[in-house]
């Protein structure tokens, strides 16, 4: 999407207190695709941080009016971009910070977290490569992912 820096900054400001996860849970049958509703997912969805703390998604009353408005506008955009899957997508917000002000999940450090609901469990190993600066192989200066420690071609330790 082509978005102005002001538009992006507005989204960042409105969503700074939240972690957002988009969930599409479905089954297929001869009659088509059947998507799980928010009510079906919300009863069991949870976020488990690397310290095994369990967080439930925020309730509507815990979300700012600006963030609610943004999510309301996001749903039709996702439906337009992703078609049926965008229409069946459920969006959940979790607190981005703990009571002590530290991030619930630090995407820049080595840790992990799990998002689970019903019989589905998805685990992320951190840090996220997309959030880190690239590293370079000292042998051929090939650009590598920021969370890699060694070059997969040469086996040498990567330069920062």
Foldseek 3Di string as FASTA:
>chain_A
DDDDPVVVVLVCVQCVFKDKDKDWDWDADPVGIDTDDCVQFQVFKWKQWQVRDIWHFDDPVVHDPSVVVVVVVVLVVQCVVPPPRSVRMDMTITGQADPVGHGSYDLADFGKMWIDTDPDIDIDTHNDQVVADWWAAPPPRDTHGRPDQADPVPRHGTHD
